[in-house]
Amino acid sequence: MSPTMMRQFWAFVDEIRSTIPLALDDLSLVQWLLRQVWSEQLLDRQQQDILSNYIHLRIALIRDMAQESQFFSHVY
């Protein structure tokens, strides 16, 4: 995964983390995230596979970020 693609992905996650549907299981959440990314930018098949694997490996971190964001948005 290129550094540019990685930065774009994490900026995107940061932007949408308060709306990430945490009730989804991990596989469904990965697919949801991929659809969100694909709606923003076109990726070729190789980029899709790389991003999918990357998200799978970091799904726990993504969930933690989303939970924190959603918790604080309800507190304040």
Foldseek 3Di string as FASTA:
>chain_A
DDPVVVVVLVVVLLVCLQPQPLVDDLVVSLVVSLVVVCVVDPDDPVRSVVSSVVCSVCVVVSSVSSVVNNVVVVVD
